[in-house]
Amino acid sequence: MKNNGPQPASGVTFDDTLPAGIQLGGTVTIDNGTCTGDPAGNSVHCTIGDLAVGRQSDISFTATATATGTFADTGTVTMSGTDTRLANNSFTVTVQPR
């Protein structure tokens, strides 16, 4: 994720609960901040902290398909303080395991 401005972001967090049919693996990494994966809750939570304008945080984790079909996974970002661009605080990725 990247802070495109117009102001610095503080208290930034990331959350992603994976959809049924996709199981969180054991590896969660972040280049700045801390992340925890919860296999029982099938979710990832990251505490990033502050992101200056233009600053980026890269998060990656592994997951395995446990069913066939197409799955939509949505992650969300929150911050403390006033966010003037709420529309860009989530993303959805559609995956179709083969």
Protein backbone atom coordinates (compact mmCIF):
# COMPACT_ATOMS: atom_id res chain seq x y z
CA MET A 1 0.00 0.00 0.00
CA LYS A 2 1.13 3.56 -0.61
CA ASN A 3 0.24 6.89 0.94
CA ASN A 4 -0.60 9.08 -2.05
CA GLY A 5 -1.28 12.08 0.19
CA PRO A 6 -2.26 14.80 0.50
CA GLN A 7 -1.12 14.41 4.15
CA PRO A 8 1.02 12.03 6.21
CA ALA A 9 -0.86 9.08 7.74
CA SER A 10 -0.39 7.99 11.34
CA GLY A 11 -1.55 4.89 13.18
CA VAL A 12 -1.89 2.93 9.94
CA THR A 13 -3.17 -0.65 10.14
CA PHE A 14 -3.99 -3.32 7.56
CA ASP A 15 -6.52 -6.15 7.99
CA ASP A 16 -7.47 -9.01 5.69
CA THR A 17 -9.79 -11.91 6.50
CA LEU A 18 -9.45 -14.48 3.74
CA PRO A 19 -12.60 -15.92 2.16
CA ALA A 20 -13.77 -19.48 2.77
CA GLY A 21 -11.95 -21.73 0.32
CA ILE A 22 -8.61 -19.95 0.81
CA GLN A 23 -6.51 -20.87 3.87
CA LEU A 24 -3.80 -18.62 5.27
CA GLY A 25 -0.32 -20.14 5.15
CA GLY A 26 2.42 -19.73 7.73
CA THR A 27 4.40 -16.83 6.28
CA VAL A 28 3.48 -13.15 6.70
CA THR A 29 6.07 -10.46 5.95
CA ILE A 30 6.15 -6.67 5.96
CA ASP A 31 8.96 -4.28 5.09
CA ASN A 32 8.07 -1.78 7.86
CA GLY A 33 5.90 -2.47 10.88
CA THR A 34 4.71 -5.77 12.31
CA CYS A 35 2.23 -8.39 11.10
CA THR A 36 0.56 -11.37 12.65
CA GLY A 37 -1.22 -14.16 10.87
CA ASP A 38 -4.06 -15.98 12.59
CA PRO A 39 -4.60 -19.36 10.91
CA ALA A 40 -7.62 -20.14 13.13
CA GLY A 41 -9.29 -16.84 12.16
CA ASN A 42 -7.89 -17.10 8.62
CA SER A 43 -6.77 -13.48 8.85
CA VAL A 44 -3.81 -11.11 8.77
CA HIS A 45 -3.37 -7.96 10.89
CA CYS A 46 -0.50 -5.52 10.40
CA THR A 47 0.46 -2.48 12.43
CA ILE A 48 2.37 -0.15 10.13
CA GLY A 49 2.50 3.05 12.15
CA ASP A 50 3.28 6.25 10.26
CA LEU A 51 3.44 6.59 6.48
CA ALA A 52 4.74 9.85 5.04
CA VAL A 53 3.30 11.08 1.75
CA GLY A 54 4.80 8.91 -1.00
CA ARG A 55 5.87 6.21 1.47
CA GLN A 56 4.90 2.61 0.74
CA SER A 57 4.51 -0.53 2.83
CA ASP A 58 4.77 -3.96 1.21
CA ILE A 59 2.94 -6.87 2.85
CA SER A 60 3.00 -10.43 1.59
CA PHE A 61 1.61 -13.71 2.82
CA THR A 62 1.01 -17.21 1.52
CA ALA A 63 -2.35 -18.90 1.16
CA THR A 64 -3.62 -22.19 -0.20
CA ALA A 65 -6.85 -22.98 -2.03
CA THR A 66 -8.94 -25.55 -0.15
CA ALA A 67 -11.82 -25.53 -2.63
CA THR A 68 -12.38 -24.88 -6.32
CA GLY A 69 -13.98 -21.77 -7.73
CA THR A 70 -13.36 -18.05 -7.87
CA PHE A 71 -12.67 -16.17 -4.64
CA ALA A 72 -12.73 -12.44 -3.86
CA ASP A 73 -10.40 -11.33 -1.08
CA THR A 74 -10.76 -7.82 0.37
CA GLY A 75 -8.17 -6.08 2.51
CA THR A 76 -8.69 -2.80 4.36
CA VAL A 77 -6.45 -0.02 5.63
CA THR A 78 -7.27 2.33 8.50
CA MET A 79 -5.46 5.23 10.13
CA SER A 80 -5.91 7.48 13.12
CA GLY A 81 -6.88 11.08 12.53
CA THR A 82 -8.82 12.54 9.63
CA ASP A 83 -8.71 10.64 6.34
CA THR A 84 -9.86 12.80 3.44
CA ARG A 85 -9.88 9.93 0.92
CA LEU A 86 -11.86 7.05 2.39
CA ALA A 87 -12.63 5.54 -1.02
CA ASN A 88 -9.08 4.23 -1.45
CA ASN A 89 -8.85 2.39 1.89
CA SER A 90 -9.72 -1.07 0.62
CA PHE A 91 -8.94 -3.35 -2.27
CA THR A 92 -10.35 -6.57 -3.64
CA VAL A 93 -8.35 -9.23 -5.44
CA THR A 94 -10.14 -12.01 -7.32
CA VAL A 95 -8.29 -15.32 -7.54
CA GLN A 96 -9.17 -18.53 -9.32
CA PRO A 97 -6.92 -21.41 -8.21
CA ARG A 98 -6.12 -23.97 -10.84
